[in-house]
Amino acid sequence: MSKAKGFKKSKTGTYLSIGSTALGAFGVVKQAKLARKEHDTLRLVDAAVSAVAIVTGLAILYRELKRLGDDDLLG
């Protein structure tokens, strides 16, 4: 069990979290397109809130990578 907790704080675990969070963006885009097509304002607001949550999550994960000492993430 302690190995699983350690993996979450590792660079590999953080990269995996970034990837899975980024994949969630595809669902949000699909939801937003459908909401616009159907003129469903409530679903569009939900998609916007979800998109903000994804961006925030990615920012937190990026910060965690910086803390782990990964200097060459974006270049």
N, C-alpha and C. Protein backbone atom coordinates (compact mmCIF):
# COMPACT_ATOMS: atom_id res chain seq x y z
N MET A 1 0.82 -1.19 0.00
CA MET A 1 0.00 0.00 0.00
C MET A 1 0.87 1.26 0.00
N SER A 2 1.99 1.23 0.69
CA SER A 2 2.84 2.42 0.74
C SER A 2 3.49 2.70 -0.61
N LYS A 3 3.71 1.65 -1.43
CA LYS A 3 4.25 1.87 -2.77
C LYS A 3 3.26 2.63 -3.63
N ALA A 4 1.98 2.32 -3.49
CA ALA A 4 0.95 3.02 -4.26
C ALA A 4 0.89 4.49 -3.85
N LYS A 5 1.02 4.78 -2.59
CA LYS A 5 1.01 6.17 -2.14
C LYS A 5 2.25 6.90 -2.64
N GLY A 6 3.38 6.23 -2.66
CA GLY A 6 4.61 6.83 -3.16
C GLY A 6 4.56 7.08 -4.65
N PHE A 7 3.88 6.21 -5.39
CA PHE A 7 3.77 6.37 -6.84
C PHE A 7 3.03 7.64 -7.19
N LYS A 8 2.03 7.98 -6.39
CA LYS A 8 1.23 9.17 -6.66
C LYS A 8 2.08 10.44 -6.56
N LYS A 9 3.10 10.42 -5.73
CA LYS A 9 3.98 11.58 -5.55
C LYS A 9 5.22 11.51 -6.44
N SER A 10 5.34 10.49 -7.27
CA SER A 10 6.51 10.36 -8.13
C SER A 10 6.30 11.12 -9.44
N LYS A 11 7.39 11.32 -10.18
CA LYS A 11 7.29 11.99 -11.48
C LYS A 11 6.41 11.17 -12.42
N THR A 12 6.61 9.86 -12.42
CA THR A 12 5.82 9.00 -13.31
C THR A 12 4.34 9.09 -12.98
N GLY A 13 4.02 9.05 -11.70
CA GLY A 13 2.63 9.16 -11.28
C GLY A 13 2.03 10.50 -11.65
N THR A 14 2.84 11.55 -11.53
CA THR A 14 2.35 12.89 -11.87
C THR A 14 2.12 13.01 -13.37
N TYR A 15 3.05 12.46 -14.17
CA TYR A 15 2.84 12.46 -15.62
C TYR A 15 1.58 11.68 -15.99
N LEU A 16 1.36 10.56 -15.34
CA LEU A 16 0.16 9.77 -15.60
C LEU A 16 -1.10 10.56 -15.24
N SER A 17 -1.04 11.28 -14.14
CA SER A 17 -2.18 12.11 -13.74
C SER A 17 -2.43 13.23 -14.74
N ILE A 18 -1.35 13.83 -15.25
CA ILE A 18 -1.49 14.88 -16.26
C ILE A 18 -2.16 14.31 -17.51
N GLY A 19 -1.71 13.14 -17.93
CA GLY A 19 -2.29 12.51 -19.12
C GLY A 19 -3.76 12.18 -18.96
N SER A 20 -4.11 11.62 -17.82
CA SER A 20 -5.52 11.26 -17.62
C SER A 20 -6.39 12.51 -17.47
N THR A 21 -5.86 13.55 -16.86
CA THR A 21 -6.61 14.80 -16.74
C THR A 21 -6.80 15.43 -18.12
N ALA A 22 -5.76 15.41 -18.92
CA ALA A 22 -5.85 15.97 -20.27
C ALA A 22 -6.84 15.18 -21.12
N LEU A 23 -6.91 13.87 -20.93
CA LEU A 23 -7.89 13.07 -21.68
C LEU A 23 -9.32 13.46 -21.32
N GLY A 24 -9.53 13.91 -20.10
CA GLY A 24 -10.85 14.38 -19.69
C GLY A 24 -11.30 15.58 -20.50
N ALA A 25 -10.35 16.31 -21.06
CA ALA A 25 -10.68 17.48 -21.87
C ALA A 25 -11.46 17.09 -23.12
N PHE A 26 -11.20 15.91 -23.66
CA PHE A 26 -11.92 15.47 -24.85
C PHE A 26 -13.41 15.32 -24.57
N GLY A 27 -13.74 14.78 -23.40
CA GLY A 27 -15.14 14.65 -23.01
C GLY A 27 -15.82 16.01 -22.83
N VAL A 28 -15.07 16.95 -22.28
CA VAL A 28 -15.62 18.29 -22.07
C VAL A 28 -15.88 18.98 -23.41
N VAL A 29 -14.96 18.82 -24.34
CA VAL A 29 -15.14 19.42 -25.68
C VAL A 29 -16.36 18.81 -26.36
N LYS A 30 -16.50 17.50 -26.25
CA LYS A 30 -17.65 16.82 -26.85
C LYS A 30 -18.95 17.33 -26.21
N GLN A 31 -18.94 17.48 -24.90
CA GLN A 31 -20.11 17.97 -24.18
C GLN A 31 -20.46 19.40 -24.61
N ALA A 32 -19.45 20.23 -24.77
CA ALA A 32 -19.68 21.63 -25.17
C ALA A 32 -20.25 21.70 -26.58
N LYS A 33 -19.71 20.89 -27.50
CA LYS A 33 -20.23 20.89 -28.88
C LYS A 33 -21.70 20.46 -28.91
N LEU A 34 -22.01 19.42 -28.15
CA LEU A 34 -23.39 18.94 -28.11
C LEU A 34 -24.31 20.00 -27.50
N ALA A 35 -23.84 20.65 -26.46
CA ALA A 35 -24.65 21.69 -25.80
C ALA A 35 -24.91 22.85 -26.75
N ARG A 36 -23.89 23.24 -27.51
CA ARG A 36 -24.09 24.34 -28.47
C ARG A 36 -25.06 23.94 -29.57
N LYS A 37 -24.92 22.70 -30.04
CA LYS A 37 -25.79 22.21 -31.11
C LYS A 37 -27.25 22.18 -30.65
N GLU A 38 -27.46 21.79 -29.39
CA GLU A 38 -28.82 21.68 -28.87
C GLU A 38 -29.30 22.96 -28.17
N HIS A 39 -28.45 23.99 -28.17
CA HIS A 39 -28.76 25.26 -27.50
C HIS A 39 -29.12 25.04 -26.03
N ASP A 40 -28.34 24.18 -25.37
CA ASP A 40 -28.57 23.83 -23.97
C ASP A 40 -27.59 24.63 -23.11
N THR A 41 -28.08 25.73 -22.58
CA THR A 41 -27.23 26.65 -21.81
C THR A 41 -26.69 26.00 -20.55
N LEU A 42 -27.50 25.21 -19.87
CA LEU A 42 -27.05 24.58 -18.63
C LEU A 42 -25.90 23.60 -18.88
N ARG A 43 -25.99 22.81 -19.93
CA ARG A 43 -24.88 21.90 -20.27
C ARG A 43 -23.65 22.67 -20.70
N LEU A 44 -23.85 23.79 -21.37
CA LEU A 44 -22.72 24.61 -21.79
C LEU A 44 -22.01 25.19 -20.57
N VAL A 45 -22.77 25.63 -19.59
CA VAL A 45 -22.17 26.14 -18.35
C VAL A 45 -21.43 25.01 -17.63
N ASP A 46 -22.03 23.83 -17.61
CA ASP A 46 -21.39 22.68 -16.99
C ASP A 46 -20.06 22.35 -17.68
N ALA A 47 -20.05 22.40 -19.00
CA ALA A 47 -18.82 22.14 -19.74
C ALA A 47 -17.76 23.20 -19.44
N ALA A 48 -18.18 24.44 -19.31
CA ALA A 48 -17.23 25.53 -19.01
C ALA A 48 -16.64 25.34 -17.61
N VAL A 49 -17.47 24.99 -16.66
CA VAL A 49 -16.98 24.76 -15.30
C VAL A 49 -16.03 23.56 -15.28
N SER A 50 -16.37 22.52 -16.01
CA SER A 50 -15.50 21.35 -16.09
C SER A 50 -14.16 21.70 -16.73
N ALA A 51 -14.20 22.54 -17.76
CA ALA A 51 -12.96 22.95 -18.42
C ALA A 51 -12.07 23.73 -17.47
N VAL A 52 -12.67 24.60 -16.66
CA VAL A 52 -11.90 25.36 -15.67
C VAL A 52 -11.29 24.40 -14.65
N ALA A 53 -12.04 23.39 -14.24
CA ALA A 53 -11.52 22.41 -13.29
C ALA A 53 -10.33 21.64 -13.89
N ILE A 54 -10.41 21.31 -15.17
CA ILE A 54 -9.31 20.60 -15.83
C ILE A 54 -8.08 21.48 -15.90
N VAL A 55 -8.25 22.73 -16.27
CA VAL A 55 -7.12 23.65 -16.35
C VAL A 55 -6.47 23.82 -14.98
N THR A 56 -7.30 23.97 -13.95
CA THR A 56 -6.78 24.11 -12.60
C THR A 56 -6.03 22.85 -12.16
N GLY A 57 -6.60 21.70 -12.47
CA GLY A 57 -5.94 20.44 -12.13
C GLY A 57 -4.60 20.29 -12.82
N LEU A 58 -4.55 20.67 -14.09
CA LEU A 58 -3.28 20.60 -14.82
C LEU A 58 -2.25 21.56 -14.23
N ALA A 59 -2.70 22.73 -13.82
CA ALA A 59 -1.78 23.70 -13.21
C ALA A 59 -1.22 23.17 -11.89
N ILE A 60 -2.05 22.53 -11.11
CA ILE A 60 -1.60 21.95 -9.84
C ILE A 60 -0.59 20.83 -10.10
N LEU A 61 -0.89 19.99 -11.08
CA LEU A 61 0.04 18.89 -11.40
C LEU A 61 1.36 19.41 -11.95
N TYR A 62 1.31 20.47 -12.74
CA TYR A 62 2.54 21.09 -13.25
C TYR A 62 3.38 21.63 -12.09
N ARG A 63 2.70 22.27 -11.15
CA ARG A 63 3.40 22.78 -9.97
C ARG A 63 4.05 21.64 -9.18
N GLU A 64 3.35 20.52 -9.08
CA GLU A 64 3.90 19.36 -8.38
C GLU A 64 5.15 18.83 -9.09
N LEU A 65 5.12 18.83 -10.42
CA LEU A 65 6.32 18.42 -11.17
C LEU A 65 7.48 19.35 -10.90
N LYS A 66 7.21 20.62 -10.83
CA LYS A 66 8.27 21.59 -10.54
C LYS A 66 8.86 21.32 -9.15
N ARG A 67 8.01 20.98 -8.21
CA ARG A 67 8.48 20.66 -6.86
C ARG A 67 9.34 19.40 -6.85
N LEU A 68 9.03 18.48 -7.73
CA LEU A 68 9.80 17.24 -7.81
C LEU A 68 11.12 17.45 -8.55
N GLY A 69 11.32 18.65 -9.08
CA GLY A 69 12.60 18.97 -9.71
C GLY A 69 12.67 18.67 -11.18
N ASP A 70 11.56 18.60 -11.87
CA ASP A 70 11.57 18.34 -13.30
C ASP A 70 11.67 19.68 -14.04
N ASP A 71 12.88 20.08 -14.39
CA ASP A 71 13.10 21.40 -14.99
C ASP A 71 12.81 21.45 -16.48
N ASP A 72 12.87 20.32 -17.17
CA ASP A 72 12.72 20.35 -18.63
C ASP A 72 11.37 19.78 -19.07
N LEU A 73 10.29 20.15 -18.39
CA LEU A 73 8.95 19.69 -18.78
C LEU A 73 8.51 20.32 -20.10
N LEU A 74 8.72 21.61 -20.24
CA LEU A 74 8.27 22.29 -21.46
C LEU A 74 9.42 22.82 -22.29
N GLY A 75 10.54 22.34 -22.11
CA GLY A 75 11.61 22.83 -22.97
C GLY A 75 12.91 22.56 -22.37
